[in-house]
Amino acid sequence: MTTPPVPQLPMIDVYDLLNGAVDMRMYTRRILVLKVRSLVGGYIGNQANIERQLFPPIIAVADAVEWLESQGQGWRLVSITERPIEGISYWFAFLRRDQP
């Protein structure tokens, strides 16, 4: 089994982290940005459809932050923000750790 690559940039996709596609053990930076986009551009339909499109990325961000904090590497959440870009919502979680 090969070891997943160590992220070189301070921004990684939430699903890459949750699926084990990156190895955070050798990540040397103190700041990390997790990113995820909404499932589709814009929200169409009734309330149930809006919730199906909106909630999974937010839940994935929360899961990724919780997983990182549980790994004993000193990661702590600083903030989470949402940014619409060309009609698509992107969610960003900013984390900092005590020791690189």
PDB file of N, CA and C in Angstrom:
ATOM      1  N   MET A   1       0.840  -1.179   0.000  1.00  0.00           N
ATOM      2  CA  MET A   1       0.000   0.000   0.000  1.00  0.00           C
ATOM      3  C   MET A   1       0.882   1.237   0.000  1.00  0.00           C
ATOM      4  N   THR A   2       0.602   2.180  -0.881  1.00  0.00           N
ATOM      5  CA  THR A   2       1.397   3.394  -0.944  1.00  0.00           C
ATOM      6  C   THR A   2       0.831   4.439  -0.003  1.00  0.00           C
ATOM      7  N   THR A   3       1.721   5.275   0.501  1.00  0.00           N
ATOM      8  CA  THR A   3       1.318   6.357   1.385  1.00  0.00           C
ATOM      9  C   THR A   3       0.755   7.494   0.545  1.00  0.00           C
ATOM     10  N   PRO A   4      -0.378   8.083   0.950  1.00  0.00           N
ATOM     11  CA  PRO A   4      -0.915   9.221   0.210  1.00  0.00           C
ATOM     12  C   PRO A   4       0.066  10.386   0.245  1.00  0.00           C
ATOM     13  N   PRO A   5       0.002  11.284  -0.740  1.00  0.00           N
ATOM     14  CA  PRO A   5       0.927  12.411  -0.765  1.00  0.00           C
ATOM     15  C   PRO A   5       0.665  13.404   0.360  1.00  0.00           C
ATOM     16  N   VAL A   6       1.733  14.103   0.751  1.00  0.00           N
ATOM     17  CA  VAL A   6       1.636  15.184   1.729  1.00  0.00           C
ATOM     18  C   VAL A   6       1.199  16.439   0.974  1.00  0.00           C
ATOM     19  N   PRO A   7       0.195  17.165   1.460  1.00  0.00           N
ATOM     20  CA  PRO A   7      -0.220  18.384   0.767  1.00  0.00           C
ATOM     21  C   PRO A   7       0.918  19.398   0.714  1.00  0.00           C
ATOM     22  N   GLN A   8       1.098  20.036  -0.435  1.00  0.00           N
ATOM     23  CA  GLN A   8       2.127  21.056  -0.594  1.00  0.00           C
ATOM     24  C   GLN A   8       1.561  22.461  -0.429  1.00  0.00           C
ATOM     25  N   LEU A   9       0.283  22.628  -0.687  1.00  0.00           N
ATOM     26  CA  LEU A   9      -0.370  23.924  -0.560  1.00  0.00           C
ATOM     27  C   LEU A   9      -1.148  23.972   0.749  1.00  0.00           C
ATOM     28  N   PRO A  10      -1.419  25.180   1.267  1.00  0.00           N
ATOM     29  CA  PRO A  10      -2.158  25.270   2.525  1.00  0.00           C
ATOM     30  C   PRO A  10      -3.656  25.054   2.376  1.00  0.00           C
ATOM     31  N   MET A  11      -4.148  24.737   1.164  1.00  0.00           N
ATOM     32  CA  MET A  11      -5.572  24.519   0.957  1.00  0.00           C
ATOM     33  C   MET A  11      -5.793  23.125   0.377  1.00  0.00           C
ATOM     34  N   ILE A  12      -6.643  22.345   1.054  1.00  0.00           N
ATOM     35  CA  ILE A  12      -6.940  21.005   0.545  1.00  0.00           C
ATOM     36  C   ILE A  12      -8.448  20.782   0.530  1.00  0.00           C
ATOM     37  N   ASP A  13      -8.874  19.887  -0.311  1.00  0.00           N
ATOM     38  CA  ASP A  13     -10.281  19.553  -0.430  1.00  0.00           C
ATOM     39  C   ASP A  13     -10.714  18.682   0.753  1.00  0.00           C
ATOM     40  N   VAL A  14     -11.863  18.999   1.306  1.00  0.00           N
ATOM     41  CA  VAL A  14     -12.398  18.263   2.459  1.00  0.00           C
ATOM     42  C   VAL A  14     -12.525  16.769   2.157  1.00  0.00           C
ATOM     43  N   TYR A  15     -13.021  16.445   0.970  1.00  0.00           N
ATOM     44  CA  TYR A  15     -13.241  15.040   0.646  1.00  0.00           C
ATOM     45  C   TYR A  15     -11.924  14.294   0.435  1.00  0.00           C
ATOM     46  N   ASP A  16     -10.878  14.983  -0.038  1.00  0.00           N
ATOM     47  CA  ASP A  16      -9.559  14.346  -0.119  1.00  0.00           C
ATOM     48  C   ASP A  16      -9.076  13.958   1.276  1.00  0.00           C
ATOM     49  N   LEU A  17      -9.283  14.848   2.244  1.00  0.00           N
ATOM     50  CA  LEU A  17      -8.878  14.556   3.622  1.00  0.00           C
ATOM     51  C   LEU A  17      -9.693  13.389   4.186  1.00  0.00           C
ATOM     52  N   LEU A  18     -11.011  13.454   4.048  1.00  0.00           N
ATOM     53  CA  LEU A  18     -11.871  12.421   4.627  1.00  0.00           C
ATOM     54  C   LEU A  18     -11.684  11.059   3.973  1.00  0.00           C
ATOM     55  N   ASN A  19     -11.291  11.040   2.706  1.00  0.00           N
ATOM     56  CA  ASN A  19     -11.097   9.777   1.993  1.00  0.00           C
ATOM     57  C   ASN A  19      -9.664   9.262   2.060  1.00  0.00           C
ATOM     58  N   GLY A  20      -8.794   9.940   2.823  1.00  0.00           N
ATOM     59  CA  GLY A  20      -7.423   9.469   2.992  1.00  0.00           C
ATOM     60  C   GLY A  20      -6.526   9.694   1.789  1.00  0.00           C
ATOM     61  N   ALA A  21      -6.890  10.643   0.920  1.00  0.00           N
ATOM     62  CA  ALA A  21      -6.090  10.909  -0.278  1.00  0.00           C
ATOM     63  C   ALA A  21      -4.878  11.789   0.006  1.00  0.00           C
ATOM     64  N   VAL A  22      -4.794  12.356   1.214  1.00  0.00           N
ATOM     65  CA  VAL A  22      -3.636  13.157   1.621  1.00  0.00           C
ATOM     66  C   VAL A  22      -3.150  12.678   2.981  1.00  0.00           C
ATOM     67  N   ASP A  23      -1.854  12.836   3.227  1.00  0.00           N
ATOM     68  CA  ASP A  23      -1.233  12.415   4.489  1.00  0.00           C
ATOM     69  C   ASP A  23      -0.856  13.658   5.279  1.00  0.00           C
ATOM     70  N   MET A  24      -1.594  13.930   6.345  1.00  0.00           N
ATOM     71  CA  MET A  24      -1.352  15.142   7.133  1.00  0.00           C
ATOM     72  C   MET A  24      -0.245  14.971   8.167  1.00  0.00           C
ATOM     73  N   ARG A  25       0.284  13.785   8.353  1.00  0.00           N
ATOM     74  CA  ARG A  25       1.312  13.569   9.383  1.00  0.00           C
ATOM     75  C   ARG A  25       2.595  14.333   9.105  1.00  0.00           C
ATOM     76  N   MET A  26       2.922  14.556   7.835  1.00  0.00           N
ATOM     77  CA  MET A  26       4.164  15.245   7.486  1.00  0.00           C
ATOM     78  C   MET A  26       3.923  16.666   6.978  1.00  0.00           C
ATOM     79  N   TYR A  27       2.726  17.166   7.103  1.00  0.00           N
ATOM     80  CA  TYR A  27       2.386  18.523   6.677  1.00  0.00           C
ATOM     81  C   TYR A  27       3.105  19.491   7.602  1.00  0.00           C
ATOM     82  N   THR A  28       3.862  20.435   7.055  1.00  0.00           N
ATOM     83  CA  THR A  28       4.745  21.267   7.876  1.00  0.00           C
ATOM     84  C   THR A  28       4.209  22.655   8.192  1.00  0.00           C
ATOM     85  N   ARG A  29       3.152  23.069   7.576  1.00  0.00           N
ATOM     86  CA  ARG A  29       2.639  24.423   7.820  1.00  0.00           C
ATOM     87  C   ARG A  29       1.799  24.476   9.098  1.00  0.00           C
ATOM     88  N   ARG A  30       1.669  25.700   9.647  1.00  0.00           N
ATOM     89  CA  ARG A  30       0.842  25.885  10.842  1.00  0.00           C
ATOM     90  C   ARG A  30      -0.599  26.233  10.503  1.00  0.00           C
ATOM     91  N   ILE A  31      -0.833  26.708   9.284  1.00  0.00           N
ATOM     92  CA  ILE A  31      -2.168  27.112   8.849  1.00  0.00           C
ATOM     93  C   ILE A  31      -2.658  26.135   7.788  1.00  0.00           C
ATOM     94  N   LEU A  32      -3.928  25.797   7.862  1.00  0.00           N
ATOM     95  CA  LEU A  32      -4.537  24.901   6.884  1.00  0.00           C
ATOM     96  C   LEU A  32      -5.924  25.437   6.544  1.00  0.00           C
ATOM     97  N   VAL A  33      -6.265  25.391   5.269  1.00  0.00           N
ATOM     98  CA  VAL A  33      -7.599  25.769   4.818  1.00  0.00           C
ATOM     99  C   VAL A  33      -8.233  24.545   4.168  1.00  0.00           C
ATOM    100  N   LEU A  34      -9.364  24.134   4.702  1.00  0.00           N
ATOM    101  CA  LEU A  34     -10.143  23.058   4.097  1.00  0.00           C
ATOM    102  C   LEU A  34     -11.195  23.705   3.214  1.00  0.00           C
ATOM    103  N   LYS A  35     -11.386  23.169   2.014  1.00  0.00           N
ATOM    104  CA  LYS A  35     -12.374  23.756   1.111  1.00  0.00           C
ATOM    105  C   LYS A  35     -13.331  22.684   0.607  1.00  0.00           C
ATOM    106  N   VAL A  36     -14.548  23.115   0.339  1.00  0.00           N
ATOM    107  CA  VAL A  36     -15.553  22.241  -0.263  1.00  0.00           C
ATOM    108  C   VAL A  36     -16.565  23.135  -0.964  1.00  0.00           C
ATOM    109  N   ARG A  37     -17.116  22.652  -2.061  1.00  0.00           N
ATOM    110  CA  ARG A  37     -18.130  23.426  -2.766  1.00  0.00           C
ATOM    111  C   ARG A  37     -19.483  22.759  -2.618  1.00  0.00           C
ATOM    112  N   SER A  38     -20.533  23.549  -2.805  1.00  0.00           N
ATOM    113  CA  SER A  38     -21.880  22.989  -2.739  1.00  0.00           C
ATOM    114  C   SER A  38     -22.047  21.944  -3.832  1.00  0.00           C
ATOM    115  N   LEU A  39     -23.021  21.097  -3.676  1.00  0.00           N
ATOM    116  CA  LEU A  39     -23.207  19.996  -4.615  1.00  0.00           C
ATOM    117  C   LEU A  39     -23.591  20.467  -6.008  1.00  0.00           C
ATOM    118  N   VAL A  40     -24.311  21.561  -6.105  1.00  0.00           N
ATOM    119  CA  VAL A  40     -24.682  22.131  -7.404  1.00  0.00           C
ATOM    120  C   VAL A  40     -24.643  23.645  -7.303  1.00  0.00           C
ATOM    121  N   GLY A  41     -24.590  24.300  -8.437  1.00  0.00           N
ATOM    122  CA  GLY A  41     -24.642  25.757  -8.445  1.00  0.00           C
ATOM    123  C   GLY A  41     -26.065  26.239  -8.238  1.00  0.00           C
ATOM    124  N   GLY A  42     -26.258  27.126  -7.294  1.00  0.00           N
ATOM    125  CA  GLY A  42     -27.584  27.640  -7.014  1.00  0.00           C
ATOM    126  C   GLY A  42     -28.452  26.606  -6.314  1.00  0.00           C
ATOM    127  N   TYR A  43     -29.530  27.066  -5.747  1.00  0.00           N
ATOM    128  CA  TYR A  43     -30.429  26.173  -5.032  1.00  0.00           C
ATOM    129  C   TYR A  43     -31.779  26.182  -5.730  1.00  0.00           C
ATOM    130  N   ILE A  44     -32.206  25.017  -6.166  1.00  0.00           N
ATOM    131  CA  ILE A  44     -33.398  24.897  -6.985  1.00  0.00           C
ATOM    132  C   ILE A  44     -34.432  24.053  -6.251  1.00  0.00           C
ATOM    133  N   GLY A  45     -35.687  24.494  -6.327  1.00  0.00           N
ATOM    134  CA  GLY A  45     -36.753  23.650  -5.820  1.00  0.00           C
ATOM    135  C   GLY A  45     -37.221  24.028  -4.437  1.00  0.00           C
ATOM    136  N   ASN A  46     -37.794  23.046  -3.788  1.00  0.00           N
ATOM    137  CA  ASN A  46     -38.397  23.261  -2.482  1.00  0.00           C
ATOM    138  C   ASN A  46     -37.355  23.185  -1.361  1.00  0.00           C
ATOM    139  N   GLN A  47     -37.818  23.378  -0.153  1.00  0.00           N
ATOM    140  CA  GLN A  47     -36.926  23.400   1.012  1.00  0.00           C
ATOM    141  C   GLN A  47     -36.137  22.105   1.162  1.00  0.00           C
ATOM    142  N   ALA A  48     -36.767  20.978   0.914  1.00  0.00           N
ATOM    143  CA  ALA A  48     -36.069  19.691   1.050  1.00  0.00           C
ATOM    144  C   ALA A  48     -34.925  19.587   0.047  1.00  0.00           C
ATOM    145  N   ASN A  49     -35.136  20.038  -1.181  1.00  0.00           N
ATOM    146  CA  ASN A  49     -34.062  20.016  -2.179  1.00  0.00           C
ATOM    147  C   ASN A  49     -32.927  20.952  -1.800  1.00  0.00           C
ATOM    148  N   ILE A  50     -33.278  22.119  -1.300  1.00  0.00           N
ATOM    149  CA  ILE A  50     -32.257  23.075  -0.872  1.00  0.00           C
ATOM    150  C   ILE A  50     -31.406  22.456   0.234  1.00  0.00           C
ATOM    151  N   GLU A  51     -32.039  21.814   1.201  1.00  0.00           N
ATOM    152  CA  GLU A  51     -31.298  21.196   2.300  1.00  0.00           C
ATOM    153  C   GLU A  51     -30.412  20.056   1.815  1.00  0.00           C
ATOM    154  N   ARG A  52     -30.876  19.263   0.852  1.00  0.00           N
ATOM    155  CA  ARG A  52     -30.053  18.172   0.307  1.00  0.00           C
ATOM    156  C   ARG A  52     -28.820  18.711  -0.409  1.00  0.00           C
ATOM    157  N   GLN A  53     -28.921  19.889  -0.993  1.00  0.00           N
ATOM    158  CA  GLN A  53     -27.796  20.488  -1.702  1.00  0.00           C
ATOM    159  C   GLN A  53     -26.853  21.223  -0.758  1.00  0.00           C
ATOM    160  N   LEU A  54     -27.398  21.821   0.280  1.00  0.00           N
ATOM    161  CA  LEU A  54     -26.616  22.683   1.167  1.00  0.00           C
ATOM    162  C   LEU A  54     -25.928  21.932   2.300  1.00  0.00           C
ATOM    163  N   PHE A  55     -26.609  21.002   2.947  1.00  0.00           N
ATOM    164  CA  PHE A  55     -26.090  20.407   4.175  1.00  0.00           C
ATOM    165  C   PHE A  55     -24.906  19.460   4.018  1.00  0.00           C
ATOM    166  N   PRO A  56     -24.851  18.569   3.019  1.00  0.00           N
ATOM    167  CA  PRO A  56     -23.720  17.635   2.948  1.00  0.00           C
ATOM    168  C   PRO A  56     -22.336  18.292   2.951  1.00  0.00           C
ATOM    169  N   PRO A  57     -22.096  19.381   2.203  1.00  0.00           N
ATOM    170  CA  PRO A  57     -20.770  19.999   2.281  1.00  0.00           C
ATOM    171  C   PRO A  57     -20.457  20.567   3.672  1.00  0.00           C
ATOM    172  N   ILE A  58     -21.461  21.133   4.324  1.00  0.00           N
ATOM    173  CA  ILE A  58     -21.243  21.687   5.665  1.00  0.00           C
ATOM    174  C   ILE A  58     -20.939  20.562   6.648  1.00  0.00           C
ATOM    175  N   ILE A  59     -21.660  19.462   6.543  1.00  0.00           N
ATOM    176  CA  ILE A  59     -21.409  18.310   7.408  1.00  0.00           C
ATOM    177  C   ILE A  59     -20.015  17.754   7.152  1.00  0.00           C
ATOM    178  N   ALA A  60     -19.598  17.704   5.882  1.00  0.00           N
ATOM    179  CA  ALA A  60     -18.255  17.212   5.549  1.00  0.00           C
ATOM    180  C   ALA A  60     -17.178  18.102   6.156  1.00  0.00           C
ATOM    181  N   VAL A  61     -17.372  19.419   6.129  1.00  0.00           N
ATOM    182  CA  VAL A  61     -16.409  20.339   6.755  1.00  0.00           C
ATOM    183  C   VAL A  61     -16.336  20.062   8.253  1.00  0.00           C
ATOM    184  N   ALA A  62     -17.481  19.935   8.905  1.00  0.00           N
ATOM    185  CA  ALA A  62     -17.493  19.660  10.345  1.00  0.00           C
ATOM    186  C   ALA A  62     -16.811  18.331  10.654  1.00  0.00           C
ATOM    187  N   ASP A  63     -17.075  17.310   9.847  1.00  0.00           N
ATOM    188  CA  ASP A  63     -16.436  16.005  10.048  1.00  0.00           C
ATOM    189  C   ASP A  63     -14.921  16.103   9.898  1.00  0.00           C
ATOM    190  N   ALA A  64     -14.463  16.833   8.884  1.00  0.00           N
ATOM    191  CA  ALA A  64     -13.022  16.965   8.643  1.00  0.00           C
ATOM    192  C   ALA A  64     -12.338  17.721   9.773  1.00  0.00           C
ATOM    193  N   VAL A  65     -12.958  18.797  10.242  1.00  0.00           N
ATOM    194  CA  VAL A  65     -12.385  19.564  11.357  1.00  0.00           C
ATOM    195  C   VAL A  65     -12.318  18.692  12.603  1.00  0.00           C
ATOM    196  N   GLU A  66     -13.392  17.992  12.893  1.00  0.00           N
ATOM    197  CA  GLU A  66     -13.419  17.123  14.072  1.00  0.00           C
ATOM    198  C   GLU A  66     -12.356  16.027  13.970  1.00  0.00           C
ATOM    199  N   TRP A  67     -12.198  15.444  12.784  1.00  0.00           N
ATOM    200  CA  TRP A  67     -11.190  14.402  12.591  1.00  0.00           C
ATOM    201  C   TRP A  67      -9.786  14.966  12.812  1.00  0.00           C
ATOM    202  N   LEU A  68      -9.490  16.124  12.227  1.00  0.00           N
ATOM    203  CA  LEU A  68      -8.160  16.719  12.410  1.00  0.00           C
ATOM    204  C   LEU A  68      -7.889  17.014  13.883  1.00  0.00           C
ATOM    205  N   GLU A  69      -8.877  17.570  14.583  1.00  0.00           N
ATOM    206  CA  GLU A  69      -8.684  17.888  15.997  1.00  0.00           C
ATOM    207  C   GLU A  69      -8.464  16.637  16.837  1.00  0.00           C
ATOM    208  N   SER A  70      -8.964  15.499  16.398  1.00  0.00           N
ATOM    209  CA  SER A  70      -8.824  14.263  17.171  1.00  0.00           C
ATOM    210  C   SER A  70      -7.497  13.546  16.925  1.00  0.00           C
ATOM    211  N   GLN A  71      -6.695  14.008  15.990  1.00  0.00           N
ATOM    212  CA  GLN A  71      -5.475  13.304  15.605  1.00  0.00           C
ATOM    213  C   GLN A  71      -4.266  13.612  16.488  1.00  0.00           C
ATOM    214  N   GLY A  72      -4.400  14.517  17.439  1.00  0.00           N
ATOM    215  CA  GLY A  72      -3.299  14.815  18.349  1.00  0.00           C
ATOM    216  C   GLY A  72      -2.159  15.587  17.711  1.00  0.00           C
ATOM    217  N   GLN A  73      -2.437  16.306  16.619  1.00  0.00           N
ATOM    218  CA  GLN A  73      -1.409  17.102  15.954  1.00  0.00           C
ATOM    219  C   GLN A  73      -1.544  18.589  16.252  1.00  0.00           C
ATOM    220  N   GLY A  74      -2.425  18.944  17.179  1.00  0.00           N
ATOM    221  CA  GLY A  74      -2.558  20.328  17.609  1.00  0.00           C
ATOM    222  C   GLY A  74      -3.455  21.209  16.757  1.00  0.00           C
ATOM    223  N   TRP A  75      -4.250  20.636  15.848  1.00  0.00           N
ATOM    224  CA  TRP A  75      -5.115  21.445  14.988  1.00  0.00           C
ATOM    225  C   TRP A  75      -6.298  21.990  15.769  1.00  0.00           C
ATOM    226  N   ARG A  76      -6.595  23.284  15.542  1.00  0.00           N
ATOM    227  CA  ARG A  76      -7.742  23.941  16.165  1.00  0.00           C
ATOM    228  C   ARG A  76      -8.442  24.795  15.119  1.00  0.00           C
ATOM    229  N   LEU A  77      -9.761  24.767  15.134  1.00  0.00           N
ATOM    230  CA  LEU A  77     -10.553  25.558  14.202  1.00  0.00           C
ATOM    231  C   LEU A  77     -10.449  27.039  14.555  1.00  0.00           C
ATOM    232  N   VAL A  78     -10.206  27.873  13.545  1.00  0.00           N
ATOM    233  CA  VAL A  78     -10.193  29.324  13.721  1.00  0.00           C
ATOM    234  C   VAL A  78     -11.527  29.902  13.260  1.00  0.00           C
ATOM    235  N   SER A  79     -11.947  29.555  12.048  1.00  0.00           N
ATOM    236  CA  SER A  79     -13.232  30.039  11.547  1.00  0.00           C
ATOM    237  C   SER A  79     -13.693  29.209  10.353  1.00  0.00           C
ATOM    238  N   ILE A  80     -14.981  29.334  10.074  1.00  0.00           N
ATOM    239  CA  ILE A  80     -15.580  28.738   8.884  1.00  0.00           C
ATOM    240  C   ILE A  80     -16.339  29.850   8.173  1.00  0.00           C
ATOM    241  N   THR A  81     -16.208  29.894   6.866  1.00  0.00           N
ATOM    242  CA  THR A  81     -16.916  30.909   6.096  1.00  0.00           C
ATOM    243  C   THR A  81     -17.417  30.315   4.790  1.00  0.00           C
ATOM    244  N   GLU A  82     -18.437  30.949   4.249  1.00  0.00           N
ATOM    245  CA  GLU A  82     -18.983  30.544   2.957  1.00  0.00           C
ATOM    246  C   GLU A  82     -18.778  31.689   1.987  1.00  0.00           C
ATOM    247  N   ARG A  83     -18.401  31.352   0.763  1.00  0.00           N
ATOM    248  CA  ARG A  83     -18.137  32.374  -0.253  1.00  0.00           C
ATOM    249  C   ARG A  83     -18.790  31.950  -1.567  1.00  0.00           C
ATOM    250  N   PRO A  84     -19.768  32.726  -2.058  1.00  0.00           N
ATOM    251  CA  PRO A  84     -20.338  32.399  -3.363  1.00  0.00           C
ATOM    252  C   PRO A  84     -19.415  32.878  -4.483  1.00  0.00           C
ATOM    253  N   ILE A  85     -19.104  31.994  -5.406  1.00  0.00           N
ATOM    254  CA  ILE A  85     -18.270  32.338  -6.555  1.00  0.00           C
ATOM    255  C   ILE A  85     -19.005  31.852  -7.796  1.00  0.00           C
ATOM    256  N   GLU A  86     -19.429  32.791  -8.631  1.00  0.00           N
ATOM    257  CA  GLU A  86     -20.161  32.481  -9.860  1.00  0.00           C
ATOM    258  C   GLU A  86     -21.347  31.553  -9.608  1.00  0.00           C
ATOM    259  N   GLY A  87     -22.114  31.857  -8.574  1.00  0.00           N
ATOM    260  CA  GLY A  87     -23.325  31.106  -8.291  1.00  0.00           C
ATOM    261  C   GLY A  87     -23.135  29.792  -7.556  1.00  0.00           C
ATOM    262  N   ILE A  88     -21.906  29.452  -7.212  1.00  0.00           N
ATOM    263  CA  ILE A  88     -21.630  28.216  -6.479  1.00  0.00           C
ATOM    264  C   ILE A  88     -21.108  28.583  -5.096  1.00  0.00           C
ATOM    265  N   SER A  89     -21.649  27.949  -4.066  1.00  0.00           N
ATOM    266  CA  SER A  89     -21.194  28.217  -2.699  1.00  0.00           C
ATOM    267  C   SER A  89     -19.968  27.378  -2.382  1.00  0.00           C
ATOM    268  N   TYR A  90     -18.934  28.036  -1.908  1.00  0.00           N
ATOM    269  CA  TYR A  90     -17.727  27.362  -1.436  1.00  0.00           C
ATOM    270  C   TYR A  90     -17.633  27.595   0.065  1.00  0.00           C
ATOM    271  N   TRP A  91     -17.315  26.532   0.794  1.00  0.00           N
ATOM    272  CA  TRP A  91     -17.135  26.612   2.240  1.00  0.00           C
ATOM    273  C   TRP A  91     -15.658  26.433   2.552  1.00  0.00           C
ATOM    274  N   PHE A  92     -15.145  27.264   3.461  1.00  0.00           N
ATOM    275  CA  PHE A  92     -13.743  27.216   3.853  1.00  0.00           C
ATOM    276  C   PHE A  92     -13.653  27.130   5.374  1.00  0.00           C
ATOM    277  N   ALA A  93     -12.851  26.212   5.858  1.00  0.00           N
ATOM    278  CA  ALA A  93     -12.565  26.113   7.291  1.00  0.00           C
ATOM    279  C   ALA A  93     -11.092  26.442   7.473  1.00  0.00           C
ATOM    280  N   PHE A  94     -10.808  27.429   8.294  1.00  0.00           N
ATOM    281  CA  PHE A  94      -9.437  27.841   8.574  1.00  0.00           C
ATOM    282  C   PHE A  94      -9.011  27.227   9.905  1.00  0.00           C
ATOM    283  N   LEU A  95      -7.900  26.508   9.877  1.00  0.00           N
ATOM    284  CA  LEU A  95      -7.382  25.867  11.080  1.00  0.00           C
ATOM    285  C   LEU A  95      -5.952  26.322  11.333  1.00  0.00           C
ATOM    286  N   ARG A  96      -5.563  26.281  12.589  1.00  0.00           N
ATOM    287  CA  ARG A  96      -4.193  26.601  12.996  1.00  0.00           C
ATOM    288  C   ARG A  96      -3.760  25.512  13.965  1.00  0.00           C
ATOM    289  N   ARG A  97      -2.472  25.240  13.957  1.00  0.00           N
ATOM    290  CA  ARG A  97      -1.983  24.272  14.949  1.00  0.00           C
ATOM    291  C   ARG A  97      -0.864  24.892  15.759  1.00  0.00           C
ATOM    292  N   ASP A  98      -0.722  24.360  16.959  1.00  0.00           N
ATOM    293  CA  ASP A  98       0.247  24.899  17.907  1.00  0.00           C
ATOM    294  C   ASP A  98       1.677  24.668  17.455  1.00  0.00           C
ATOM    295  N   GLN A  99       1.994  23.472  16.983  1.00  0.00           N
ATOM    296  CA  GLN A  99       3.359  23.131  16.570  1.00  0.00           C
ATOM    297  C   GLN A  99       3.336  22.557  15.162  1.00  0.00           C
ATOM    298  N   PRO A 100       4.162  23.100  14.248  1.00  0.00           N
ATOM    299  CA  PRO A 100       4.218  22.512  12.904  1.00  0.00           C
ATOM    300  C   PRO A 100       4.946  21.188  12.911  1.00  0.00           C
TER     301      PRO A 100
END
